[in-house]
């Protein structure tokens, strides 16, 4: 089992909500639990300390599964954020897990 704490700072030049600050401080928590030699369950959550109270955006929560085939790693992701870059998913996660607004994504990583 692996656990990570990741403090962060994002400067978002273009903010979509007038009340939102450009400077945003965050704290991410991530974990990985190996289900077998070639599969793991991953969870990632980021709390944005600088988000204003009435924001339409939520803190991102992602649950994923990694499947290692020996040469490739397939990552299956369920999340409330549509974007996969840091400013997008940390600052602009539009989905709400409690309302069933969950997005599916995947990555394929080649291991050399």
PDB file of N, CA and C in Angstrom:
ATOM      1  N   UNK A   1       0.846  -1.172   0.000  1.00  0.00           N
ATOM      2  CA  UNK A   1       0.000   0.000   0.000  1.00  0.00           C
ATOM      3  C   UNK A   1       0.893   1.236   0.000  1.00  0.00           C
ATOM      4  N   UNK A   2       0.519   2.215  -0.795  1.00  0.00           N
ATOM      5  CA  UNK A   2       1.268   3.459  -0.907  1.00  0.00           C
ATOM      6  C   UNK A   2       0.327   4.625  -0.638  1.00  0.00           C
ATOM      7  N   UNK A   3       0.822   5.631   0.072  1.00  0.00           N
ATOM      8  CA  UNK A   3       0.040   6.833   0.362  1.00  0.00           C
ATOM      9  C   UNK A   3       0.909   8.046   0.105  1.00  0.00           C
ATOM     10  N   UNK A   4       0.327   9.076  -0.489  1.00  0.00           N
ATOM     11  CA  UNK A   4       1.078  10.287  -0.814  1.00  0.00           C
ATOM     12  C   UNK A   4       0.279  11.527  -0.443  1.00  0.00           C
ATOM     13  N   UNK A   5       0.940  12.502   0.157  1.00  0.00           N
ATOM     14  CA  UNK A   5       0.386  13.835   0.386  1.00  0.00           C
ATOM     15  C   UNK A   5       1.121  14.784  -0.545  1.00  0.00           C
ATOM     16  N   UNK A   6       0.384  15.632  -1.247  1.00  0.00           N
ATOM     17  CA  UNK A   6       0.997  16.506  -2.236  1.00  0.00           C
ATOM     18  C   UNK A   6       0.449  17.927  -2.117  1.00  0.00           C
ATOM     19  N   UNK A   7       1.141  18.804  -1.366  1.00  0.00           N
ATOM     20  CA  UNK A   7       0.713  20.197  -1.345  1.00  0.00           C
ATOM     21  C   UNK A   7       0.998  20.832  -2.700  1.00  0.00           C
ATOM     22  N   UNK A   8       0.161  21.792  -3.079  1.00  0.00           N
ATOM     23  CA  UNK A   8       0.346  22.396  -4.392  1.00  0.00           C
ATOM     24  C   UNK A   8      -0.058  23.850  -4.451  1.00  0.00           C
ATOM     25  N   UNK A   9       0.467  24.515  -5.465  1.00  0.00           N
ATOM     26  CA  UNK A   9       0.127  25.902  -5.761  1.00  0.00           C
ATOM     27  C   UNK A   9      -0.134  25.988  -7.253  1.00  0.00           C
ATOM     28  N   UNK A  10      -1.259  26.594  -7.611  1.00  0.00           N
ATOM     29  CA  UNK A  10      -1.598  26.792  -9.019  1.00  0.00           C
ATOM     30  C   UNK A  10      -1.902  28.263  -9.226  1.00  0.00           C
ATOM     31  N   UNK A  11      -1.305  28.841 -10.247  1.00  0.00           N
ATOM     32  CA  UNK A  11      -1.693  30.179 -10.664  1.00  0.00           C
ATOM     33  C   UNK A  11      -2.501  30.006 -11.937  1.00  0.00           C
ATOM     34  N   UNK A  12      -3.767  30.334 -11.858  1.00  0.00           N
ATOM     35  CA  UNK A  12      -4.656  30.183 -13.008  1.00  0.00           C
ATOM     36  C   UNK A  12      -4.872  31.569 -13.608  1.00  0.00           C
ATOM     37  N   UNK A  13      -4.279  31.802 -14.759  1.00  0.00           N
ATOM     38  CA  UNK A  13      -4.333  33.112 -15.388  1.00  0.00           C
ATOM     39  C   UNK A  13      -5.760  33.496 -15.787  1.00  0.00           C
ATOM     40  N   UNK A  14      -6.490  32.540 -16.328  1.00  0.00           N
ATOM     41  CA  UNK A  14      -7.869  32.787 -16.749  1.00  0.00           C
ATOM     42  C   UNK A  14      -8.802  32.042 -15.799  1.00  0.00           C
ATOM     43  N   UNK A  15      -9.550  32.778 -15.000  1.00  0.00           N
ATOM     44  CA  UNK A  15     -10.538  32.155 -14.119  1.00  0.00           C
ATOM     45  C   UNK A  15     -11.923  32.437 -14.680  1.00  0.00           C
ATOM     46  N   UNK A  16     -12.790  31.440 -14.612  1.00  0.00           N
ATOM     47  CA  UNK A  16     -14.113  31.541 -15.224  1.00  0.00           C
ATOM     48  C   UNK A  16     -15.139  32.203 -14.313  1.00  0.00           C
ATOM     49  N   UNK A  17     -14.862  32.254 -13.027  1.00  0.00           N
ATOM     50  CA  UNK A  17     -15.789  32.852 -12.080  1.00  0.00           C
ATOM     51  C   UNK A  17     -15.149  34.115 -11.501  1.00  0.00           C
ATOM     52  N   UNK A  18     -15.853  35.236 -11.508  1.00  0.00           N
ATOM     53  CA  UNK A  18     -15.249  36.501 -11.070  1.00  0.00           C
ATOM     54  C   UNK A  18     -14.730  36.483  -9.632  1.00  0.00           C
ATOM     55  N   UNK A  19     -15.350  35.707  -8.755  1.00  0.00           N
ATOM     56  CA  UNK A  19     -14.941  35.680  -7.351  1.00  0.00           C
ATOM     57  C   UNK A  19     -13.743  34.766  -7.097  1.00  0.00           C
ATOM     58  N   UNK A  20     -13.384  33.946  -8.069  1.00  0.00           N
ATOM     59  CA  UNK A  20     -12.292  32.988  -7.879  1.00  0.00           C
ATOM     60  C   UNK A  20     -10.935  33.683  -7.906  1.00  0.00           C
ATOM     61  N   UNK A  21     -10.063  33.304  -6.985  1.00  0.00           N
ATOM     62  CA  UNK A  21      -8.707  33.849  -6.932  1.00  0.00           C
ATOM     63  C   UNK A  21      -7.844  33.216  -8.021  1.00  0.00           C
ATOM     64  N   UNK A  22      -6.870  33.964  -8.494  1.00  0.00           N
ATOM     65  CA  UNK A  22      -5.918  33.425  -9.466  1.00  0.00           C
ATOM     66  C   UNK A  22      -4.946  32.464  -8.788  1.00  0.00           C
ATOM     67  N   UNK A  23      -4.524  32.803  -7.569  1.00  0.00           N
ATOM     68  CA  UNK A  23      -3.607  31.948  -6.811  1.00  0.00           C
ATOM     69  C   UNK A  23      -4.428  30.932  -6.025  1.00  0.00           C
ATOM     70  N   UNK A  24      -4.112  29.657  -6.209  1.00  0.00           N
ATOM     71  CA  UNK A  24      -4.880  28.614  -5.550  1.00  0.00           C
ATOM     72  C   UNK A  24      -3.927  27.652  -4.846  1.00  0.00           C
ATOM     73  N   UNK A  25      -4.212  27.393  -3.569  1.00  0.00           N
ATOM     74  CA  UNK A  25      -3.415  26.475  -2.763  1.00  0.00           C
ATOM     75  C   UNK A  25      -4.210  25.190  -2.572  1.00  0.00           C
ATOM     76  N   UNK A  26      -3.548  24.057  -2.753  1.00  0.00           N
ATOM     77  CA  UNK A  26      -4.231  22.768  -2.711  1.00  0.00           C
ATOM     78  C   UNK A  26      -3.456  21.756  -1.865  1.00  0.00           C
ATOM     79  N   UNK A  27      -4.157  20.699  -1.492  1.00  0.00           N
ATOM     80  CA  UNK A  27      -3.512  19.562  -0.854  1.00  0.00           C
ATOM     81  C   UNK A  27      -4.121  18.298  -1.445  1.00  0.00           C
ATOM     82  N   UNK A  28      -3.280  17.519  -2.085  1.00  0.00           N
ATOM     83  CA  UNK A  28      -3.721  16.270  -2.688  1.00  0.00           C
ATOM     84  C   UNK A  28      -3.368  15.086  -1.808  1.00  0.00           C
ATOM     85  N   UNK A  29      -4.242  14.084  -1.817  1.00  0.00           N
ATOM     86  CA  UNK A  29      -4.006  12.834  -1.106  1.00  0.00           C
ATOM     87  C   UNK A  29      -4.245  11.720  -2.113  1.00  0.00           C
ATOM     88  N   UNK A  30      -3.257  10.858  -2.240  1.00  0.00           N
ATOM     89  CA  UNK A  30      -3.383   9.753  -3.182  1.00  0.00           C
ATOM     90  C   UNK A  30      -2.980   8.449  -2.535  1.00  0.00           C
ATOM     91  N   UNK A  31      -3.589   7.386  -2.985  1.00  0.00           N
ATOM     92  CA  UNK A  31      -3.258   6.077  -2.446  1.00  0.00           C
ATOM     93  C   UNK A  31      -3.313   5.011  -3.517  1.00  0.00           C
ATOM     94  N   UNK A  32      -2.535   3.972  -3.312  1.00  0.00           N
ATOM     95  CA  UNK A  32      -2.497   2.839  -4.241  1.00  0.00           C
ATOM     96  C   UNK A  32      -2.469   1.557  -3.429  1.00  0.00           C
ATOM     97  N   UNK A  33      -3.345   0.628  -3.804  1.00  0.00           N
ATOM     98  CA  UNK A  33      -3.390  -0.667  -3.139  1.00  0.00           C
ATOM     99  C   UNK A  33      -3.269  -1.747  -4.207  1.00  0.00           C
ATOM    100  N   UNK A  34      -2.249  -2.571  -4.096  1.00  0.00           N
ATOM    101  CA  UNK A  34      -2.022  -3.631  -5.081  1.00  0.00           C
ATOM    102  C   UNK A  34      -2.992  -4.780  -4.831  1.00  0.00           C
ATOM    103  N   UNK A  35      -3.838  -5.046  -5.809  1.00  0.00           N
ATOM    104  CA  UNK A  35      -4.789  -6.150  -5.721  1.00  0.00           C
ATOM    105  C   UNK A  35      -4.121  -7.475  -6.075  1.00  0.00           C
ATOM    106  N   UNK A  36      -3.162  -7.413  -6.998  1.00  0.00           N
ATOM    107  CA  UNK A  36      -2.375  -8.573  -7.396  1.00  0.00           C
ATOM    108  C   UNK A  36      -1.044  -8.041  -7.931  1.00  0.00           C
ATOM    109  N   UNK A  37      -0.234  -8.943  -8.468  1.00  0.00           N
ATOM    110  CA  UNK A  37       1.061  -8.499  -9.001  1.00  0.00           C
ATOM    111  C   UNK A  37       0.903  -7.531 -10.164  1.00  0.00           C
ATOM    112  N   UNK A  38      -0.188  -7.639 -10.892  1.00  0.00           N
ATOM    113  CA  UNK A  38      -0.374  -6.834 -12.106  1.00  0.00           C
ATOM    114  C   UNK A  38      -1.577  -5.884 -12.070  1.00  0.00           C
ATOM    115  N   UNK A  39      -2.248  -5.789 -10.934  1.00  0.00           N
ATOM    116  CA  UNK A  39      -3.401  -4.888 -10.832  1.00  0.00           C
ATOM    117  C   UNK A  39      -3.337  -4.093  -9.542  1.00  0.00           C
ATOM    118  N   UNK A  40      -3.761  -2.828  -9.624  1.00  0.00           N
ATOM    119  CA  UNK A  40      -3.817  -2.004  -8.419  1.00  0.00           C
ATOM    120  C   UNK A  40      -5.043  -1.105  -8.463  1.00  0.00           C
ATOM    121  N   UNK A  41      -5.514  -0.743  -7.284  1.00  0.00           N
ATOM    122  CA  UNK A  41      -6.624   0.188  -7.113  1.00  0.00           C
ATOM    123  C   UNK A  41      -6.019   1.509  -6.644  1.00  0.00           C
ATOM    124  N   UNK A  42      -6.378   2.607  -7.306  1.00  0.00           N
ATOM    125  CA  UNK A  42      -5.805   3.915  -7.008  1.00  0.00           C
ATOM    126  C   UNK A  42      -6.918   4.897  -6.654  1.00  0.00           C
ATOM    127  N   UNK A  43      -6.653   5.742  -5.681  1.00  0.00           N
ATOM    128  CA  UNK A  43      -7.603   6.784  -5.285  1.00  0.00           C
ATOM    129  C   UNK A  43      -6.829   8.087  -5.138  1.00  0.00           C
ATOM    130  N   UNK A  44      -7.425   9.174  -5.643  1.00  0.00           N
ATOM    131  CA  UNK A  44      -6.776  10.487  -5.607  1.00  0.00           C
ATOM    132  C   UNK A  44      -7.835  11.543  -5.302  1.00  0.00           C
ATOM    133  N   UNK A  45      -7.559  12.403  -4.328  1.00  0.00           N
ATOM    134  CA  UNK A  45      -8.467  13.493  -3.965  1.00  0.00           C
ATOM    135  C   UNK A  45      -7.630  14.753  -3.756  1.00  0.00           C
ATOM    136  N   UNK A  46      -8.121  15.887  -4.255  1.00  0.00           N
ATOM    137  CA  UNK A  46      -7.410  17.158  -4.086  1.00  0.00           C
ATOM    138  C   UNK A  46      -8.364  18.173  -3.473  1.00  0.00           C
ATOM    139  N   UNK A  47      -7.967  18.730  -2.329  1.00  0.00           N
ATOM    140  CA  UNK A  47      -8.748  19.780  -1.677  1.00  0.00           C
ATOM    141  C   UNK A  47      -8.175  21.131  -2.078  1.00  0.00           C
ATOM    142  N   UNK A  48      -9.037  22.006  -2.603  1.00  0.00           N
ATOM    143  CA  UNK A  48      -8.628  23.340  -3.017  1.00  0.00           C
ATOM    144  C   UNK A  48      -9.009  24.330  -1.912  1.00  0.00           C
ATOM    145  N   UNK A  49      -8.010  24.841  -1.189  1.00  0.00           N
ATOM    146  CA  UNK A  49      -8.243  25.771  -0.080  1.00  0.00           C
ATOM    147  C   UNK A  49      -8.721  27.136  -0.570  1.00  0.00           C
ATOM    148  N   UNK A  50      -8.471  27.476  -1.817  1.00  0.00           N
ATOM    149  CA  UNK A  50      -8.746  28.818  -2.331  1.00  0.00           C
ATOM    150  C   UNK A  50     -10.056  28.913  -3.098  1.00  0.00           C
ATOM    151  N   UNK A  51     -10.838  27.869  -3.150  1.00  0.00           N
ATOM    152  CA  UNK A  51     -12.100  27.910  -3.891  1.00  0.00           C
ATOM    153  C   UNK A  51     -13.125  28.708  -3.087  1.00  0.00           C
ATOM    154  N   UNK A  52     -13.824  29.609  -3.761  1.00  0.00           N
ATOM    155  CA  UNK A  52     -14.818  30.387  -3.024  1.00  0.00           C
ATOM    156  C   UNK A  52     -16.092  29.565  -2.820  1.00  0.00           C
ATOM    157  N   UNK A  53     -16.880  29.928  -1.830  1.00  0.00           N
ATOM    158  CA  UNK A  53     -17.985  29.100  -1.325  1.00  0.00           C
ATOM    159  C   UNK A  53     -19.048  28.732  -2.355  1.00  0.00           C
ATOM    160  N   UNK A  54     -19.415  29.635  -3.246  1.00  0.00           N
ATOM    161  CA  UNK A  54     -20.511  29.369  -4.181  1.00  0.00           C
ATOM    162  C   UNK A  54     -20.016  28.894  -5.548  1.00  0.00           C
ATOM    163  N   UNK A  55     -18.821  28.400  -5.618  1.00  0.00           N
ATOM    164  CA  UNK A  55     -18.253  27.950  -6.883  1.00  0.00           C
ATOM    165  C   UNK A  55     -19.041  26.765  -7.448  1.00  0.00           C
ATOM    166  N   UNK A  56     -19.168  26.723  -8.767  1.00  0.00           N
ATOM    167  CA  UNK A  56     -19.807  25.574  -9.414  1.00  0.00           C
ATOM    168  C   UNK A  56     -18.847  24.392  -9.502  1.00  0.00           C
ATOM    169  N   UNK A  57     -17.570  24.631  -9.264  1.00  0.00           N
ATOM    170  CA  UNK A  57     -16.565  23.577  -9.369  1.00  0.00           C
ATOM    171  C   UNK A  57     -16.402  22.839  -8.047  1.00  0.00           C
ATOM    172  N   UNK A  58     -16.018  21.584  -8.133  1.00  0.00           N
ATOM    173  CA  UNK A  58     -15.872  20.708  -6.971  1.00  0.00           C
ATOM    174  C   UNK A  58     -14.415  20.285  -6.821  1.00  0.00           C
ATOM    175  N   UNK A  59     -14.096  19.734  -5.672  1.00  0.00           N
ATOM    176  CA  UNK A  59     -12.779  19.134  -5.484  1.00  0.00           C
ATOM    177  C   UNK A  59     -12.759  17.792  -6.207  1.00  0.00           C
ATOM    178  N   UNK A  60     -11.694  17.508  -6.972  1.00  0.00           N
ATOM    179  CA  UNK A  60     -11.675  16.274  -7.766  1.00  0.00           C
ATOM    180  C   UNK A  60     -11.412  15.028  -6.928  1.00  0.00           C
ATOM    181  N   UNK A  61     -12.180  13.999  -7.210  1.00  0.00           N
ATOM    182  CA  UNK A  61     -11.990  12.677  -6.623  1.00  0.00           C
ATOM    183  C   UNK A  61     -11.911  11.692  -7.784  1.00  0.00           C
ATOM    184  N   UNK A  62     -10.836  10.919  -7.819  1.00  0.00           N
ATOM    185  CA  UNK A  62     -10.635   9.949  -8.891  1.00  0.00           C
ATOM    186  C   UNK A  62     -10.377   8.576  -8.287  1.00  0.00           C
ATOM    187  N   UNK A  63     -11.067   7.593  -8.827  1.00  0.00           N
ATOM    188  CA  UNK A  63     -10.839   6.198  -8.458  1.00  0.00           C
ATOM    189  C   UNK A  63     -10.456   5.471  -9.734  1.00  0.00           C
ATOM    190  N   UNK A  64      -9.361   4.739  -9.684  1.00  0.00           N
ATOM    191  CA  UNK A  64      -8.880   4.095 -10.891  1.00  0.00           C
ATOM    192  C   UNK A  64      -8.332   2.708 -10.635  1.00  0.00           C
ATOM    193  N   UNK A  65      -8.174   1.983 -11.720  1.00  0.00           N
ATOM    194  CA  UNK A  65      -7.578   0.652 -11.703  1.00  0.00           C
ATOM    195  C   UNK A  65      -6.450   0.642 -12.721  1.00  0.00           C
ATOM    196  N   UNK A  66      -5.274   0.174 -12.314  1.00  0.00           N
ATOM    197  CA  UNK A  66      -4.144  -0.022 -13.216  1.00  0.00           C
ATOM    198  C   UNK A  66      -4.019  -1.503 -13.517  1.00  0.00           C
ATOM    199  N   UNK A  67      -3.887  -1.830 -14.801  1.00  0.00           N
ATOM    200  CA  UNK A  67      -3.697  -3.207 -15.235  1.00  0.00           C
ATOM    201  C   UNK A  67      -2.392  -3.272 -16.008  1.00  0.00           C
ATOM    202  N   UNK A  68      -1.431  -3.992 -15.489  1.00  0.00           N
ATOM    203  CA  UNK A  68      -0.108  -4.133 -16.102  1.00  0.00           C
ATOM    204  C   UNK A  68      -0.087  -5.410 -16.929  1.00  0.00           C
ATOM    205  N   UNK A  69       0.197  -5.283 -18.225  1.00  0.00           N
ATOM    206  CA  UNK A  69       0.217  -6.449 -19.109  1.00  0.00           C
ATOM    207  C   UNK A  69       1.638  -6.923 -19.393  1.00  0.00           C
ATOM    208  N   UNK A  70       2.620  -6.291 -18.780  1.00  0.00           N
ATOM    209  CA  UNK A  70       4.005  -6.664 -19.029  1.00  0.00           C
ATOM    210  C   UNK A  70       4.720  -5.643 -19.884  1.00  0.00           C
ATOM    211  N   UNK A  71       4.078  -5.084 -20.863  1.00  0.00           N
ATOM    212  CA  UNK A  71       4.671  -4.046 -21.704  1.00  0.00           C
ATOM    213  C   UNK A  71       3.882  -2.754 -21.672  1.00  0.00           C
ATOM    214  N   UNK A  72       2.625  -2.858 -21.300  1.00  0.00           N
ATOM    215  CA  UNK A  72       1.750  -1.696 -21.228  1.00  0.00           C
ATOM    216  C   UNK A  72       1.066  -1.661 -19.867  1.00  0.00           C
ATOM    217  N   UNK A  73       0.688  -0.470 -19.450  1.00  0.00           N
ATOM    218  CA  UNK A  73      -0.148  -0.311 -18.271  1.00  0.00           C
ATOM    219  C   UNK A  73      -1.422   0.397 -18.725  1.00  0.00           C
ATOM    220  N   UNK A  74      -2.551  -0.253 -18.525  1.00  0.00           N
ATOM    221  CA  UNK A  74      -3.849   0.330 -18.861  1.00  0.00           C
ATOM    222  C   UNK A  74      -4.418   0.923 -17.581  1.00  0.00           C
ATOM    223  N   UNK A  75      -4.771   2.192 -17.638  1.00  0.00           N
ATOM    224  CA  UNK A  75      -5.344   2.880 -16.488  1.00  0.00           C
ATOM    225  C   UNK A  75      -6.795   3.213 -16.797  1.00  0.00           C
ATOM    226  N   UNK A  76      -7.712   2.689 -15.990  1.00  0.00           N
ATOM    227  CA  UNK A  76      -9.139   2.971 -16.132  1.00  0.00           C
ATOM    228  C   UNK A  76      -9.529   3.899 -15.001  1.00  0.00           C
ATOM    229  N   UNK A  77     -10.102   5.067 -15.342  1.00  0.00           N
ATOM    230  CA  UNK A  77     -10.339   6.124 -14.362  1.00  0.00           C
ATOM    231  C   UNK A  77     -11.814   6.505 -14.295  1.00  0.00           C
ATOM    232  N   UNK A  78     -12.309   6.663 -13.080  1.00  0.00           N
ATOM    233  CA  UNK A  78     -13.648   7.195 -12.832  1.00  0.00           C
ATOM    234  C   UNK A  78     -13.461   8.435 -11.973  1.00  0.00           C
ATOM    235  N   UNK A  79     -13.957   9.573 -12.459  1.00  0.00           N
ATOM    236  CA  UNK A  79     -13.659  10.848 -11.806  1.00  0.00           C
ATOM    237  C   UNK A  79     -14.777  11.858 -12.018  1.00  0.00           C
ATOM    238  N   UNK A  80     -14.747  12.917 -11.228  1.00  0.00           N
ATOM    239  CA  UNK A  80     -15.699  14.014 -11.427  1.00  0.00           C
ATOM    240  C   UNK A  80     -15.059  15.168 -12.196  1.00  0.00           C
ATOM    241  N   UNK A  81     -13.868  14.972 -12.740  1.00  0.00           N
ATOM    242  CA  UNK A  81     -13.173  16.007 -13.517  1.00  0.00           C
ATOM    243  C   UNK A  81     -13.011  15.536 -14.961  1.00  0.00           C
ATOM    244  N   UNK A  82     -13.317  16.417 -15.911  1.00  0.00           N
ATOM    245  CA  UNK A  82     -13.179  16.042 -17.311  1.00  0.00           C
ATOM    246  C   UNK A  82     -11.759  16.247 -17.829  1.00  0.00           C
ATOM    247  N   UNK A  83     -11.055  17.206 -17.308  1.00  0.00           N
ATOM    248  CA  UNK A  83      -9.717  17.527 -17.787  1.00  0.00           C
ATOM    249  C   UNK A  83      -8.686  16.624 -17.119  1.00  0.00           C
ATOM    250  N   UNK A  84      -7.578  16.386 -17.810  1.00  0.00           N
ATOM    251  CA  UNK A  84      -6.528  15.556 -17.213  1.00  0.00           C
ATOM    252  C   UNK A  84      -5.259  16.348 -16.896  1.00  0.00           C
ATOM    253  N   UNK A  85      -5.220  17.642 -17.248  1.00  0.00           N
ATOM    254  CA  UNK A  85      -4.059  18.446 -16.845  1.00  0.00           C
ATOM    255  C   UNK A  85      -4.339  19.079 -15.486  1.00  0.00           C
ATOM    256  N   UNK A  86      -3.276  19.409 -14.749  1.00  0.00           N
ATOM    257  CA  UNK A  86      -3.423  19.813 -13.353  1.00  0.00           C
ATOM    258  C   UNK A  86      -4.328  21.029 -13.146  1.00  0.00           C
ATOM    259  N   UNK A  87      -4.119  22.146 -13.840  1.00  0.00           N
ATOM    260  CA  UNK A  87      -5.025  23.281 -13.594  1.00  0.00           C
ATOM    261  C   UNK A  87      -6.481  22.953 -13.929  1.00  0.00           C
ATOM    262  N   UNK A  88      -6.694  22.120 -14.928  1.00  0.00           N
ATOM    263  CA  UNK A  88      -8.052  21.765 -15.320  1.00  0.00           C
ATOM    264  C   UNK A  88      -8.755  20.886 -14.315  1.00  0.00           C
ATOM    265  N   UNK A  89      -8.103  19.805 -13.899  1.00  0.00           N
ATOM    266  CA  UNK A  89      -8.823  18.898 -12.996  1.00  0.00           C
ATOM    267  C   UNK A  89      -8.818  19.370 -11.550  1.00  0.00           C
ATOM    268  N   UNK A  90      -7.810  20.118 -11.130  1.00  0.00           N
ATOM    269  CA  UNK A  90      -7.788  20.604  -9.747  1.00  0.00           C
ATOM    270  C   UNK A  90      -8.721  21.794  -9.571  1.00  0.00           C
ATOM    271  N   UNK A  91      -8.762  22.687 -10.544  1.00  0.00           N
ATOM    272  CA  UNK A  91      -9.539  23.926 -10.415  1.00  0.00           C
ATOM    273  C   UNK A  91     -10.931  23.852 -11.016  1.00  0.00           C
ATOM    274  N   UNK A  92     -11.140  23.019 -12.028  1.00  0.00           N
ATOM    275  CA  UNK A  92     -12.388  23.074 -12.786  1.00  0.00           C
ATOM    276  C   UNK A  92     -13.121  21.737 -12.886  1.00  0.00           C
ATOM    277  N   UNK A  93     -13.140  20.964 -11.829  1.00  0.00           N
ATOM    278  CA  UNK A  93     -13.895  19.704 -11.831  1.00  0.00           C
ATOM    279  C   UNK A  93     -15.381  20.032 -11.710  1.00  0.00           C
ATOM    280  N   UNK A  94     -16.138  19.710 -12.740  1.00  0.00           N
ATOM    281  CA  UNK A  94     -17.549  20.091 -12.788  1.00  0.00           C
ATOM    282  C   UNK A  94     -18.496  19.019 -12.275  1.00  0.00           C
ATOM    283  N   UNK A  95     -18.071  17.775 -12.263  1.00  0.00           N
ATOM    284  CA  UNK A  95     -18.958  16.693 -11.852  1.00  0.00           C
ATOM    285  C   UNK A  95     -19.157  16.653 -10.346  1.00  0.00           C
ATOM    286  N   UNK A  96     -20.209  15.971  -9.945  1.00  0.00           N
ATOM    287  CA  UNK A  96     -20.526  15.821  -8.527  1.00  0.00           C
ATOM    288  C   UNK A  96     -20.833  14.348  -8.269  1.00  0.00           C
ATOM    289  N   UNK A  97     -19.963  13.680  -7.512  1.00  0.00           N
ATOM    290  CA  UNK A  97     -20.130  12.260  -7.225  1.00  0.00           C
ATOM    291  C   UNK A  97     -21.482  11.985  -6.573  1.00  0.00           C
ATOM    292  N   UNK A  98     -21.938  12.866  -5.685  1.00  0.00           N
ATOM    293  CA  UNK A  98     -23.197  12.623  -4.972  1.00  0.00           C
ATOM    294  C   UNK A  98     -24.407  12.673  -5.895  1.00  0.00           C
ATOM    295  N   UNK A  99     -24.259  13.316  -7.066  1.00  0.00           N
ATOM    296  CA  UNK A  99     -25.357  13.390  -8.035  1.00  0.00           C
ATOM    297  C   UNK A  99     -25.156  12.439  -9.211  1.00  0.00           C
ATOM    298  N   UNK A 100     -24.104  11.625  -9.150  1.00  0.00           N
ATOM    299  CA  UNK A 100     -23.856  10.663 -10.220  1.00  0.00           C
ATOM    300  C   UNK A 100     -23.160  11.249 -11.430  1.00  0.00           C
ATOM    301  N   UNK A 101     -22.612  12.458 -11.334  1.00  0.00           N
ATOM    302  CA  UNK A 101     -21.889  13.085 -12.448  1.00  0.00           C
ATOM    303  C   UNK A 101     -20.450  12.574 -12.450  1.00  0.00           C
ATOM    304  N   UNK A 102     -20.259  11.408 -13.030  1.00  0.00           N
ATOM    305  CA  UNK A 102     -18.957  10.755 -13.037  1.00  0.00           C
ATOM    306  C   UNK A 102     -18.530  10.548 -14.478  1.00  0.00           C
ATOM    307  N   UNK A 103     -17.272  10.818 -14.757  1.00  0.00           N
ATOM    308  CA  UNK A 103     -16.727  10.660 -16.092  1.00  0.00           C
ATOM    309  C   UNK A 103     -15.776   9.470 -16.112  1.00  0.00           C
ATOM    310  N   UNK A 104     -15.685   8.817 -17.262  1.00  0.00           N
ATOM    311  CA  UNK A 104     -14.771   7.693 -17.430  1.00  0.00           C
ATOM    312  C   UNK A 104     -13.660   8.107 -18.382  1.00  0.00           C
ATOM    313  N   UNK A 105     -12.444   7.754 -18.027  1.00  0.00           N
ATOM    314  CA  UNK A 105     -11.302   8.025 -18.894  1.00  0.00           C
ATOM    315  C   UNK A 105     -10.307   6.890 -18.793  1.00  0.00           C
ATOM    316  N   UNK A 106      -9.358   6.885 -19.720  1.00  0.00           N
ATOM    317  CA  UNK A 106      -8.331   5.850 -19.663  1.00  0.00           C
ATOM    318  C   UNK A 106      -7.023   6.378 -20.244  1.00  0.00           C
ATOM    319  N   UNK A 107      -5.953   5.778 -19.802  1.00  0.00           N
ATOM    320  CA  UNK A 107      -4.605   6.041 -20.314  1.00  0.00           C
ATOM    321  C   UNK A 107      -3.977   4.706 -20.656  1.00  0.00           C
ATOM    322  N   UNK A 108      -3.095   4.725 -21.631  1.00  0.00           N
ATOM    323  CA  UNK A 108      -2.272   3.566 -21.942  1.00  0.00           C
ATOM    324  C   UNK A 108      -0.837   4.034 -21.872  1.00  0.00           C
ATOM    325  N   UNK A 109      -0.037   3.409 -21.009  1.00  0.00           N
ATOM    326  CA  UNK A 109       1.350   3.784 -20.816  1.00  0.00           C
ATOM    327  C   UNK A 109       2.228   2.639 -21.299  1.00  0.00           C
ATOM    328  N   UNK A 110       3.199   2.956 -22.113  1.00  0.00           N
ATOM    329  CA  UNK A 110       4.135   1.938 -22.620  1.00  0.00           C
ATOM    330  C   UNK A 110       5.347   1.900 -21.707  1.00  0.00           C
ATOM    331  N   UNK A 111       5.689   0.726 -21.206  1.00  0.00           N
ATOM    332  CA  UNK A 111       6.851   0.548 -20.340  1.00  0.00           C
ATOM    333  C   UNK A 111       7.982  -0.017 -21.187  1.00  0.00           C
ATOM    334  N   UNK A 112       9.116   0.676 -21.205  1.00  0.00           N
ATOM    335  CA  UNK A 112      10.275   0.201 -21.990  1.00  0.00           C
ATOM    336  C   UNK A 112      11.293  -0.460 -21.105  1.00  0.00           C
TER     337      UNK A 112
END
